[in-house]
Amino acid sequence: MTYVSPFDAKDIIAGQGTSALELIQEVGELDYLLTGIGGGGLISGCCLVCEKDSPNCKVVAVEPDAAHDAEISLKTGKIVSIPSQDTIADGANTPKIGHLTLKIMQKHLN
């Protein structure tokens, strides 16, 4: 069997990005897109789609205070792991982001 990361794989990121694509196709270009971060697959896919189909859109990362590994990882430039925290945002409560997603977020998030 082949392991496929639920967030740090090119095909997964591309699939997650279709959520932004469908939104843009329905409402037109976006000014802002607020996107949650767990492992980074959704926001990475959304960044890539917005770059192409809504280039003036600012993608904003959102994550719980208790599980802010992506924020720290982006500030330090290396993946930081935070053990599982008590938060109702289960999807954002991954212990760390992925290597591929970090690279994409570094390029696209301000």
PDB file of N, CA and C in Angstrom:
ATOM      1  N   MET A   1       0.834  -1.179   0.000  1.00  0.00           N
ATOM      2  CA  MET A   1       0.000   0.000   0.000  1.00  0.00           C
ATOM      3  C   MET A   1       0.884   1.249   0.000  1.00  0.00           C
ATOM      4  N   THR A   2       0.395   2.285  -0.617  1.00  0.00           N
ATOM      5  CA  THR A   2       1.109   3.553  -0.683  1.00  0.00           C
ATOM      6  C   THR A   2       0.442   4.555   0.240  1.00  0.00           C
ATOM      7  N   TYR A   3       1.223   5.169   1.109  1.00  0.00           N
ATOM      8  CA  TYR A   3       0.696   6.187   2.003  1.00  0.00           C
ATOM      9  C   TYR A   3       0.542   7.495   1.234  1.00  0.00           C
ATOM     10  N   VAL A   4      -0.612   8.115   1.369  1.00  0.00           N
ATOM     11  CA  VAL A   4      -0.858   9.435   0.800  1.00  0.00           C
ATOM     12  C   VAL A   4      -1.241  10.353   1.950  1.00  0.00           C
ATOM     13  N   SER A   5      -0.473  11.403   2.130  1.00  0.00           N
ATOM     14  CA  SER A   5      -0.748  12.361   3.196  1.00  0.00           C
ATOM     15  C   SER A   5      -2.118  13.009   2.979  1.00  0.00           C
ATOM     16  N   PRO A   6      -2.863  13.251   4.052  1.00  0.00           N
ATOM     17  CA  PRO A   6      -4.165  13.908   3.903  1.00  0.00           C
ATOM     18  C   PRO A   6      -4.043  15.399   3.595  1.00  0.00           C
ATOM     19  N   PHE A   7      -2.818  15.945   3.578  1.00  0.00           N
ATOM     20  CA  PHE A   7      -2.662  17.367   3.283  1.00  0.00           C
ATOM     21  C   PHE A   7      -1.365  17.711   2.564  1.00  0.00           C
ATOM     22  N   ASP A   8      -0.345  16.890   2.612  1.00  0.00           N
ATOM     23  CA  ASP A   8       0.962  17.242   2.070  1.00  0.00           C
ATOM     24  C   ASP A   8       1.306  16.435   0.819  1.00  0.00           C
ATOM     25  N   ALA A   9       0.385  16.396  -0.110  1.00  0.00           N
ATOM     26  CA  ALA A   9       0.580  15.697  -1.382  1.00  0.00           C
ATOM     27  C   ALA A   9      -0.009  16.561  -2.495  1.00  0.00           C
ATOM     28  N   LYS A  10       0.656  16.601  -3.632  1.00  0.00           N
ATOM     29  CA  LYS A  10       0.236  17.483  -4.731  1.00  0.00           C
ATOM     30  C   LYS A  10      -1.215  17.263  -5.142  1.00  0.00           C
ATOM     31  N   ASP A  11      -1.632  16.008  -5.299  1.00  0.00           N
ATOM     32  CA  ASP A  11      -3.008  15.736  -5.726  1.00  0.00           C
ATOM     33  C   ASP A  11      -4.024  16.157  -4.669  1.00  0.00           C
ATOM     34  N   ILE A  12      -3.692  15.991  -3.418  1.00  0.00           N
ATOM     35  CA  ILE A  12      -4.590  16.398  -2.330  1.00  0.00           C
ATOM     36  C   ILE A  12      -4.718  17.921  -2.317  1.00  0.00           C
ATOM     37  N   ILE A  13      -3.601  18.615  -2.429  1.00  0.00           N
ATOM     38  CA  ILE A  13      -3.613  20.082  -2.461  1.00  0.00           C
ATOM     39  C   ILE A  13      -4.441  20.576  -3.646  1.00  0.00           C
ATOM     40  N   ALA A  14      -4.255  19.968  -4.797  1.00  0.00           N
ATOM     41  CA  ALA A  14      -5.028  20.356  -5.988  1.00  0.00           C
ATOM     42  C   ALA A  14      -6.519  20.133  -5.760  1.00  0.00           C
ATOM     43  N   GLY A  15      -6.859  19.013  -5.176  1.00  0.00           N
ATOM     44  CA  GLY A  15      -8.271  18.732  -4.892  1.00  0.00           C
ATOM     45  C   GLY A  15      -8.861  19.713  -3.907  1.00  0.00           C
ATOM     46  N   GLN A  16      -8.106  20.055  -2.867  1.00  0.00           N
ATOM     47  CA  GLN A  16      -8.594  21.021  -1.876  1.00  0.00           C
ATOM     48  C   GLN A  16      -8.786  22.401  -2.508  1.00  0.00           C
ATOM     49  N   GLY A  17      -7.941  22.738  -3.447  1.00  0.00           N
ATOM     50  CA  GLY A  17      -8.047  24.039  -4.111  1.00  0.00           C
ATOM     51  C   GLY A  17      -9.317  24.215  -4.919  1.00  0.00           C
ATOM     52  N   THR A  18      -9.970  23.120  -5.265  1.00  0.00           N
ATOM     53  CA  THR A  18     -11.215  23.248  -6.032  1.00  0.00           C
ATOM     54  C   THR A  18     -12.296  23.978  -5.241  1.00  0.00           C
ATOM     55  N   SER A  19     -12.183  24.022  -3.924  1.00  0.00           N
ATOM     56  CA  SER A  19     -13.183  24.779  -3.142  1.00  0.00           C
ATOM     57  C   SER A  19     -13.088  26.267  -3.488  1.00  0.00           C
ATOM     58  N   ALA A  20     -11.881  26.794  -3.606  1.00  0.00           N
ATOM     59  CA  ALA A  20     -11.711  28.194  -4.006  1.00  0.00           C
ATOM     60  C   ALA A  20     -12.130  28.388  -5.464  1.00  0.00           C
ATOM     61  N   LEU A  21     -11.790  27.435  -6.306  1.00  0.00           N
ATOM     62  CA  LEU A  21     -12.151  27.528  -7.724  1.00  0.00           C
ATOM     63  C   LEU A  21     -13.665  27.608  -7.889  1.00  0.00           C
ATOM     64  N   GLU A  22     -14.393  26.744  -7.198  1.00  0.00           N
ATOM     65  CA  GLU A  22     -15.859  26.762  -7.291  1.00  0.00           C
ATOM     66  C   GLU A  22     -16.436  28.073  -6.783  1.00  0.00           C
ATOM     67  N   LEU A  23     -15.870  28.609  -5.710  1.00  0.00           N
ATOM     68  CA  LEU A  23     -16.344  29.892  -5.177  1.00  0.00           C
ATOM     69  C   LEU A  23     -16.104  31.013  -6.177  1.00  0.00           C
ATOM     70  N   ILE A  24     -14.925  31.065  -6.745  1.00  0.00           N
ATOM     71  CA  ILE A  24     -14.604  32.105  -7.722  1.00  0.00           C
ATOM     72  C   ILE A  24     -15.491  31.972  -8.955  1.00  0.00           C
ATOM     73  N   GLN A  25     -15.738  30.746  -9.404  1.00  0.00           N
ATOM     74  CA  GLN A  25     -16.613  30.547 -10.562  1.00  0.00           C
ATOM     75  C   GLN A  25     -18.040  31.004 -10.270  1.00  0.00           C
ATOM     76  N   GLU A  26     -18.461  30.892  -9.014  1.00  0.00           N
ATOM     77  CA  GLU A  26     -19.830  31.278  -8.657  1.00  0.00           C
ATOM     78  C   GLU A  26     -19.986  32.777  -8.417  1.00  0.00           C
ATOM     79  N   VAL A  27     -19.010  33.404  -7.744  1.00  0.00           N
ATOM     80  CA  VAL A  27     -19.189  34.809  -7.349  1.00  0.00           C
ATOM     81  C   VAL A  27     -18.231  35.774  -8.045  1.00  0.00           C
ATOM     82  N   GLY A  28     -17.272  35.275  -8.784  1.00  0.00           N
ATOM     83  CA  GLY A  28     -16.301  36.138  -9.441  1.00  0.00           C
ATOM     84  C   GLY A  28     -15.065  36.338  -8.571  1.00  0.00           C
ATOM     85  N   GLU A  29     -14.219  37.267  -8.992  1.00  0.00           N
ATOM     86  CA  GLU A  29     -12.961  37.497  -8.271  1.00  0.00           C
ATOM     87  C   GLU A  29     -13.230  37.879  -6.822  1.00  0.00           C
ATOM     88  N   LEU A  30     -12.308  37.473  -5.961  1.00  0.00           N
ATOM     89  CA  LEU A  30     -12.438  37.707  -4.529  1.00  0.00           C
ATOM     90  C   LEU A  30     -11.450  38.774  -4.077  1.00  0.00           C
ATOM     91  N   ASP A  31     -11.847  39.516  -3.027  1.00  0.00           N
ATOM     92  CA  ASP A  31     -10.921  40.449  -2.389  1.00  0.00           C
ATOM     93  C   ASP A  31     -10.118  39.731  -1.312  1.00  0.00           C
ATOM     94  N   TYR A  32     -10.813  38.921  -0.508  1.00  0.00           N
ATOM     95  CA  TYR A  32     -10.202  38.169   0.593  1.00  0.00           C
ATOM     96  C   TYR A  32     -10.773  36.762   0.621  1.00  0.00           C
ATOM     97  N   LEU A  33      -9.956  35.830   1.080  1.00  0.00           N
ATOM     98  CA  LEU A  33     -10.411  34.468   1.333  1.00  0.00           C
ATOM     99  C   LEU A  33      -9.792  34.018   2.648  1.00  0.00           C
ATOM    100  N   LEU A  34     -10.621  33.841   3.665  1.00  0.00           N
ATOM    101  CA  LEU A  34     -10.159  33.361   4.959  1.00  0.00           C
ATOM    102  C   LEU A  34     -10.240  31.853   4.959  1.00  0.00           C
ATOM    103  N   THR A  35      -9.127  31.215   5.260  1.00  0.00           N
ATOM    104  CA  THR A  35      -9.038  29.761   5.157  1.00  0.00           C
ATOM    105  C   THR A  35      -8.350  29.185   6.388  1.00  0.00           C
ATOM    106  N   GLY A  36      -8.953  28.155   6.949  1.00  0.00           N
ATOM    107  CA  GLY A  36      -8.382  27.481   8.101  1.00  0.00           C
ATOM    108  C   GLY A  36      -7.152  26.671   7.717  1.00  0.00           C
ATOM    109  N   ILE A  37      -6.283  26.485   8.713  1.00  0.00           N
ATOM    110  CA  ILE A  37      -5.087  25.673   8.505  1.00  0.00           C
ATOM    111  C   ILE A  37      -5.107  24.507   9.483  1.00  0.00           C
ATOM    112  N   GLY A  38      -4.981  23.319   8.946  1.00  0.00           N
ATOM    113  CA  GLY A  38      -4.719  22.126   9.744  1.00  0.00           C
ATOM    114  C   GLY A  38      -3.308  21.703   9.359  1.00  0.00           C
ATOM    115  N   GLY A  39      -3.233  20.882   8.322  1.00  0.00           N
ATOM    116  CA  GLY A  39      -1.931  20.487   7.797  1.00  0.00           C
ATOM    117  C   GLY A  39      -1.457  21.396   6.684  1.00  0.00           C
ATOM    118  N   GLY A  40      -2.346  22.250   6.190  1.00  0.00           N
ATOM    119  CA  GLY A  40      -1.980  23.223   5.172  1.00  0.00           C
ATOM    120  C   GLY A  40      -2.440  22.903   3.766  1.00  0.00           C
ATOM    121  N   GLY A  41      -3.090  21.755   3.557  1.00  0.00           N
ATOM    122  CA  GLY A  41      -3.514  21.377   2.218  1.00  0.00           C
ATOM    123  C   GLY A  41      -4.580  22.290   1.630  1.00  0.00           C
ATOM    124  N   LEU A  42      -5.591  22.616   2.422  1.00  0.00           N
ATOM    125  CA  LEU A  42      -6.678  23.464   1.933  1.00  0.00           C
ATOM    126  C   LEU A  42      -6.169  24.855   1.583  1.00  0.00           C
ATOM    127  N   ILE A  43      -5.447  25.472   2.495  1.00  0.00           N
ATOM    128  CA  ILE A  43      -4.983  26.838   2.221  1.00  0.00           C
ATOM    129  C   ILE A  43      -3.968  26.861   1.082  1.00  0.00           C
ATOM    130  N   SER A  44      -3.143  25.833   0.968  1.00  0.00           N
ATOM    131  CA  SER A  44      -2.186  25.779  -0.136  1.00  0.00           C
ATOM    132  C   SER A  44      -2.902  25.690  -1.474  1.00  0.00           C
ATOM    133  N   GLY A  45      -3.885  24.814  -1.567  1.00  0.00           N
ATOM    134  CA  GLY A  45      -4.660  24.699  -2.799  1.00  0.00           C
ATOM    135  C   GLY A  45      -5.389  25.988  -3.135  1.00  0.00           C
ATOM    136  N   CYS A  46      -5.950  26.631  -2.112  1.00  0.00           N
ATOM    137  CA  CYS A  46      -6.656  27.901  -2.323  1.00  0.00           C
ATOM    138  C   CYS A  46      -5.697  28.996  -2.787  1.00  0.00           C
ATOM    139  N   CYS A  47      -4.498  29.034  -2.221  1.00  0.00           N
ATOM    140  CA  CYS A  47      -3.497  30.018  -2.653  1.00  0.00           C
ATOM    141  C   CYS A  47      -3.157  29.840  -4.128  1.00  0.00           C
ATOM    142  N   LEU A  48      -2.967  28.602  -4.546  1.00  0.00           N
ATOM    143  CA  LEU A  48      -2.597  28.336  -5.938  1.00  0.00           C
ATOM    144  C   LEU A  48      -3.714  28.711  -6.896  1.00  0.00           C
ATOM    145  N   VAL A  49      -4.949  28.407  -6.518  1.00  0.00           N
ATOM    146  CA  VAL A  49      -6.089  28.760  -7.372  1.00  0.00           C
ATOM    147  C   VAL A  49      -6.258  30.273  -7.434  1.00  0.00           C
ATOM    148  N   CYS A  50      -6.160  30.943  -6.292  1.00  0.00           N
ATOM    149  CA  CYS A  50      -6.327  32.397  -6.274  1.00  0.00           C
ATOM    150  C   CYS A  50      -5.232  33.091  -7.072  1.00  0.00           C
ATOM    151  N   GLU A  51      -4.023  32.564  -7.028  1.00  0.00           N
ATOM    152  CA  GLU A  51      -2.925  33.149  -7.802  1.00  0.00           C
ATOM    153  C   GLU A  51      -3.291  33.201  -9.286  1.00  0.00           C
ATOM    154  N   LYS A  52      -3.940  32.164  -9.766  1.00  0.00           N
ATOM    155  CA  LYS A  52      -4.286  32.072 -11.186  1.00  0.00           C
ATOM    156  C   LYS A  52      -5.617  32.742 -11.521  1.00  0.00           C
ATOM    157  N   ASP A  53      -6.649  32.484 -10.722  1.00  0.00           N
ATOM    158  CA  ASP A  53      -8.008  32.884 -11.093  1.00  0.00           C
ATOM    159  C   ASP A  53      -8.555  34.110 -10.367  1.00  0.00           C
ATOM    160  N   SER A  54      -7.864  34.571  -9.335  1.00  0.00           N
ATOM    161  CA  SER A  54      -8.277  35.772  -8.612  1.00  0.00           C
ATOM    162  C   SER A  54      -7.025  36.424  -8.030  1.00  0.00           C
ATOM    163  N   PRO A  55      -6.145  36.916  -8.914  1.00  0.00           N
ATOM    164  CA  PRO A  55      -4.808  37.335  -8.497  1.00  0.00           C
ATOM    165  C   PRO A  55      -4.760  38.488  -7.492  1.00  0.00           C
ATOM    166  N   ASN A  56      -5.813  39.258  -7.366  1.00  0.00           N
ATOM    167  CA  ASN A  56      -5.824  40.351  -6.394  1.00  0.00           C
ATOM    168  C   ASN A  56      -6.364  39.928  -5.037  1.00  0.00           C
ATOM    169  N   CYS A  57      -6.731  38.672  -4.913  1.00  0.00           N
ATOM    170  CA  CYS A  57      -7.292  38.150  -3.664  1.00  0.00           C
ATOM    171  C   CYS A  57      -6.178  37.966  -2.626  1.00  0.00           C
ATOM    172  N   LYS A  58      -6.446  38.427  -1.418  1.00  0.00           N
ATOM    173  CA  LYS A  58      -5.525  38.188  -0.301  1.00  0.00           C
ATOM    174  C   LYS A  58      -6.049  36.982   0.474  1.00  0.00           C
ATOM    175  N   VAL A  59      -5.279  35.908   0.515  1.00  0.00           N
ATOM    176  CA  VAL A  59      -5.650  34.709   1.270  1.00  0.00           C
ATOM    177  C   VAL A  59      -5.149  34.900   2.702  1.00  0.00           C
ATOM    178  N   VAL A  60      -6.070  34.733   3.651  1.00  0.00           N
ATOM    179  CA  VAL A  60      -5.757  34.954   5.060  1.00  0.00           C
ATOM    180  C   VAL A  60      -5.844  33.624   5.794  1.00  0.00           C
ATOM    181  N   ALA A  61      -4.792  33.291   6.519  1.00  0.00           N
ATOM    182  CA  ALA A  61      -4.726  32.040   7.274  1.00  0.00           C
ATOM    183  C   ALA A  61      -5.400  32.209   8.635  1.00  0.00           C
ATOM    184  N   VAL A  62      -6.160  31.193   9.025  1.00  0.00           N
ATOM    185  CA  VAL A  62      -6.857  31.204  10.310  1.00  0.00           C
ATOM    186  C   VAL A  62      -6.589  29.868  11.003  1.00  0.00           C
ATOM    187  N   GLU A  63      -6.193  29.927  12.275  1.00  0.00           N
ATOM    188  CA  GLU A  63      -6.020  28.707  13.059  1.00  0.00           C
ATOM    189  C   GLU A  63      -6.250  29.028  14.534  1.00  0.00           C
ATOM    190  N   PRO A  64      -6.632  28.025  15.316  1.00  0.00           N
ATOM    191  CA  PRO A  64      -6.894  28.265  16.736  1.00  0.00           C
ATOM    192  C   PRO A  64      -5.621  28.636  17.503  1.00  0.00           C
ATOM    193  N   ASP A  65      -5.781  29.464  18.529  1.00  0.00           N
ATOM    194  CA  ASP A  65      -4.630  29.820  19.369  1.00  0.00           C
ATOM    195  C   ASP A  65      -3.956  28.585  19.951  1.00  0.00           C
ATOM    196  N   ALA A  66      -4.753  27.593  20.311  1.00  0.00           N
ATOM    197  CA  ALA A  66      -4.207  26.391  20.967  1.00  0.00           C
ATOM    198  C   ALA A  66      -3.415  25.513  20.010  1.00  0.00           C
ATOM    199  N   ALA A  67      -3.614  25.678  18.719  1.00  0.00           N
ATOM    200  CA  ALA A  67      -2.943  24.822  17.733  1.00  0.00           C
ATOM    201  C   ALA A  67      -2.348  25.694  16.633  1.00  0.00           C
ATOM    202  N   HIS A  68      -1.452  26.586  16.992  1.00  0.00           N
ATOM    203  CA  HIS A  68      -0.918  27.581  16.059  1.00  0.00           C
ATOM    204  C   HIS A  68       0.459  27.204  15.512  1.00  0.00           C
ATOM    205  N   ASP A  69       0.621  25.936  15.187  1.00  0.00           N
ATOM    206  CA  ASP A  69       1.890  25.456  14.649  1.00  0.00           C
ATOM    207  C   ASP A  69       2.233  26.081  13.298  1.00  0.00           C
ATOM    208  N   ALA A  70       1.225  26.359  12.476  1.00  0.00           N
ATOM    209  CA  ALA A  70       1.502  26.959  11.165  1.00  0.00           C
ATOM    210  C   ALA A  70       2.050  28.371  11.330  1.00  0.00           C
ATOM    211  N   GLU A  71       1.481  29.132  12.247  1.00  0.00           N
ATOM    212  CA  GLU A  71       1.969  30.487  12.486  1.00  0.00           C
ATOM    213  C   GLU A  71       3.447  30.475  12.893  1.00  0.00           C
ATOM    214  N   ILE A  72       3.781  29.608  13.827  1.00  0.00           N
ATOM    215  CA  ILE A  72       5.169  29.515  14.289  1.00  0.00           C
ATOM    216  C   ILE A  72       6.075  29.016  13.166  1.00  0.00           C
ATOM    217  N   SER A  73       5.606  28.028  12.420  1.00  0.00           N
ATOM    218  CA  SER A  73       6.396  27.479  11.315  1.00  0.00           C
ATOM    219  C   SER A  73       6.674  28.543  10.259  1.00  0.00           C
ATOM    220  N   LEU A  74       5.677  29.349   9.936  1.00  0.00           N
ATOM    221  CA  LEU A  74       5.875  30.406   8.943  1.00  0.00           C
ATOM    222  C   LEU A  74       6.843  31.478   9.463  1.00  0.00           C
ATOM    223  N   LYS A  75       6.755  31.796  10.739  1.00  0.00           N
ATOM    224  CA  LYS A  75       7.655  32.812  11.307  1.00  0.00           C
ATOM    225  C   LYS A  75       9.095  32.327  11.377  1.00  0.00           C
ATOM    226  N   THR A  76       9.293  31.046  11.693  1.00  0.00           N
ATOM    227  CA  THR A  76      10.652  30.522  11.868  1.00  0.00           C
ATOM    228  C   THR A  76      11.235  29.928  10.585  1.00  0.00           C
ATOM    229  N   GLY A  77      10.379  29.612   9.634  1.00  0.00           N
ATOM    230  CA  GLY A  77      10.847  29.022   8.389  1.00  0.00           C
ATOM    231  C   GLY A  77      11.119  27.535   8.474  1.00  0.00           C
ATOM    232  N   LYS A  78      10.732  26.916   9.589  1.00  0.00           N
ATOM    233  CA  LYS A  78      10.886  25.470   9.728  1.00  0.00           C
ATOM    234  C   LYS A  78       9.643  24.905  10.416  1.00  0.00           C
ATOM    235  N   ILE A  79       9.362  23.660  10.128  1.00  0.00           N
ATOM    236  CA  ILE A  79       8.149  23.038  10.650  1.00  0.00           C
ATOM    237  C   ILE A  79       8.272  22.825  12.156  1.00  0.00           C
ATOM    238  N   VAL A  80       7.283  23.343  12.859  1.00  0.00           N
ATOM    239  CA  VAL A  80       7.205  23.223  14.308  1.00  0.00           C
ATOM    240  C   VAL A  80       6.006  22.351  14.635  1.00  0.00           C
ATOM    241  N   SER A  81       6.171  21.448  15.571  1.00  0.00           N
ATOM    242  CA  SER A  81       5.091  20.547  15.972  1.00  0.00           C
ATOM    243  C   SER A  81       4.553  20.964  17.337  1.00  0.00           C
ATOM    244  N   ILE A  82       3.224  21.030  17.428  1.00  0.00           N
ATOM    245  CA  ILE A  82       2.549  21.286  18.702  1.00  0.00           C
ATOM    246  C   ILE A  82       1.690  20.060  18.984  1.00  0.00           C
ATOM    247  N   PRO A  83       1.877  19.433  20.122  1.00  0.00           N
ATOM    248  CA  PRO A  83       1.049  18.266  20.450  1.00  0.00           C
ATOM    249  C   PRO A  83      -0.442  18.621  20.432  1.00  0.00           C
ATOM    250  N   SER A  84      -1.264  17.633  20.259  1.00  0.00           N
ATOM    251  CA  SER A  84      -2.711  17.835  20.208  1.00  0.00           C
ATOM    252  C   SER A  84      -3.186  18.688  21.374  1.00  0.00           C
ATOM    253  N   GLN A  85      -3.979  19.696  21.064  1.00  0.00           N
ATOM    254  CA  GLN A  85      -4.475  20.635  22.062  1.00  0.00           C
ATOM    255  C   GLN A  85      -5.983  20.507  22.222  1.00  0.00           C
ATOM    256  N   ASP A  86      -6.485  21.080  23.292  1.00  0.00           N
ATOM    257  CA  ASP A  86      -7.917  21.076  23.566  1.00  0.00           C
ATOM    258  C   ASP A  86      -8.580  22.200  22.778  1.00  0.00           C
ATOM    259  N   THR A  87      -9.183  21.853  21.643  1.00  0.00           N
ATOM    260  CA  THR A  87      -9.891  22.826  20.815  1.00  0.00           C
ATOM    261  C   THR A  87     -11.045  22.118  20.121  1.00  0.00           C
ATOM    262  N   ILE A  88     -12.121  22.855  19.885  1.00  0.00           N
ATOM    263  CA  ILE A  88     -13.252  22.262  19.170  1.00  0.00           C
ATOM    264  C   ILE A  88     -12.988  22.206  17.670  1.00  0.00           C
ATOM    265  N   ALA A  89     -11.923  22.853  17.217  1.00  0.00           N
ATOM    266  CA  ALA A  89     -11.569  22.880  15.803  1.00  0.00           C
ATOM    267  C   ALA A  89     -10.714  21.660  15.468  1.00  0.00           C
ATOM    268  N   ASP A  90     -11.327  20.487  15.471  1.00  0.00           N
ATOM    269  CA  ASP A  90     -10.586  19.240  15.271  1.00  0.00           C
ATOM    270  C   ASP A  90      -9.789  19.213  13.969  1.00  0.00           C
ATOM    271  N   GLY A  91     -10.347  19.733  12.897  1.00  0.00           N
ATOM    272  CA  GLY A  91      -9.661  19.703  11.613  1.00  0.00           C
ATOM    273  C   GLY A  91      -8.408  20.557  11.586  1.00  0.00           C
ATOM    274  N   ALA A  92      -8.337  21.552  12.460  1.00  0.00           N
ATOM    275  CA  ALA A  92      -7.169  22.420  12.533  1.00  0.00           C
ATOM    276  C   ALA A  92      -6.203  21.978  13.624  1.00  0.00           C
ATOM    277  N   ASN A  93      -6.485  20.871  14.247  1.00  0.00           N
ATOM    278  CA  ASN A  93      -5.692  20.410  15.379  1.00  0.00           C
ATOM    279  C   ASN A  93      -4.698  19.324  14.966  1.00  0.00           C
ATOM    280  N   THR A  94      -4.067  19.525  13.828  1.00  0.00           N
ATOM    281  CA  THR A  94      -2.998  18.617  13.412  1.00  0.00           C
ATOM    282  C   THR A  94      -1.728  19.036  14.148  1.00  0.00           C
ATOM    283  N   PRO A  95      -0.830  18.124  14.437  1.00  0.00           N
ATOM    284  CA  PRO A  95       0.360  18.493  15.212  1.00  0.00           C
ATOM    285  C   PRO A  95       1.345  19.364  14.443  1.00  0.00           C
ATOM    286  N   LYS A  96       1.319  19.290  13.095  1.00  0.00           N
ATOM    287  CA  LYS A  96       2.243  20.097  12.299  1.00  0.00           C
ATOM    288  C   LYS A  96       1.780  20.155  10.855  1.00  0.00           C
ATOM    289  N   ILE A  97       2.282  21.151  10.147  1.00  0.00           N
ATOM    290  CA  ILE A  97       1.981  21.281   8.727  1.00  0.00           C
ATOM    291  C   ILE A  97       2.980  20.435   7.931  1.00  0.00           C
ATOM    292  N   GLY A  98       2.775  20.361   6.628  1.00  0.00           N
ATOM    293  CA  GLY A  98       3.653  19.562   5.786  1.00  0.00           C
ATOM    294  C   GLY A  98       4.778  20.371   5.156  1.00  0.00           C
ATOM    295  N   HIS A  99       5.765  19.663   4.621  1.00  0.00           N
ATOM    296  CA  HIS A  99       6.904  20.316   3.965  1.00  0.00           C
ATOM    297  C   HIS A  99       6.474  21.042   2.693  1.00  0.00           C
ATOM    298  N   LEU A 100       5.656  20.387   1.887  1.00  0.00           N
ATOM    299  CA  LEU A 100       5.177  21.003   0.649  1.00  0.00           C
ATOM    300  C   LEU A 100       4.256  22.181   0.956  1.00  0.00           C
ATOM    301  N   THR A 101       3.366  21.996   1.935  1.00  0.00           N
ATOM    302  CA  THR A 101       2.435  23.078   2.265  1.00  0.00           C
ATOM    303  C   THR A 101       3.172  24.276   2.861  1.00  0.00           C
ATOM    304  N   LEU A 102       4.219  24.042   3.636  1.00  0.00           N
ATOM    305  CA  LEU A 102       4.998  25.162   4.173  1.00  0.00           C
ATOM    306  C   LEU A 102       5.584  25.984   3.029  1.00  0.00           C
ATOM    307  N   LYS A 103       6.156  25.328   2.040  1.00  0.00           N
ATOM    308  CA  LYS A 103       6.754  26.048   0.901  1.00  0.00           C
ATOM    309  C   LYS A 103       5.713  26.892   0.166  1.00  0.00           C
ATOM    310  N   ILE A 104       4.535  26.319  -0.046  1.00  0.00           N
ATOM    311  CA  ILE A 104       3.480  27.052  -0.747  1.00  0.00           C
ATOM    312  C   ILE A 104       3.003  28.228   0.093  1.00  0.00           C
ATOM    313  N   MET A 105       2.794  28.014   1.381  1.00  0.00           N
ATOM    314  CA  MET A 105       2.338  29.101   2.253  1.00  0.00           C
ATOM    315  C   MET A 105       3.392  30.203   2.359  1.00  0.00           C
ATOM    316  N   GLN A 106       4.661  29.850   2.428  1.00  0.00           N
ATOM    317  CA  GLN A 106       5.724  30.856   2.495  1.00  0.00           C
ATOM    318  C   GLN A 106       5.692  31.763   1.258  1.00  0.00           C
ATOM    319  N   LYS A 107       5.388  31.190   0.121  1.00  0.00           N
ATOM    320  CA  LYS A 107       5.370  31.955  -1.119  1.00  0.00           C
ATOM    321  C   LYS A 107       4.125  32.843  -1.216  1.00  0.00           C
ATOM    322  N   HIS A 108       2.983  32.386  -0.683  1.00  0.00           N
ATOM    323  CA  HIS A 108       1.715  33.058  -0.969  1.00  0.00           C
ATOM    324  C   HIS A 108       1.094  33.837   0.182  1.00  0.00           C
ATOM    325  N   LEU A 109       1.480  33.562   1.403  1.00  0.00           N
ATOM    326  CA  LEU A 109       0.863  34.262   2.532  1.00  0.00           C
ATOM    327  C   LEU A 109       1.777  35.395   2.988  1.00  0.00           C
ATOM    328  N   ASN A 110       1.188  36.524   3.286  1.00  0.00           N
ATOM    329  CA  ASN A 110       1.982  37.677   3.756  1.00  0.00           C
ATOM    330  C   ASN A 110       1.910  37.779   5.251  1.00  0.00           C
TER     331      ASN A 110
END
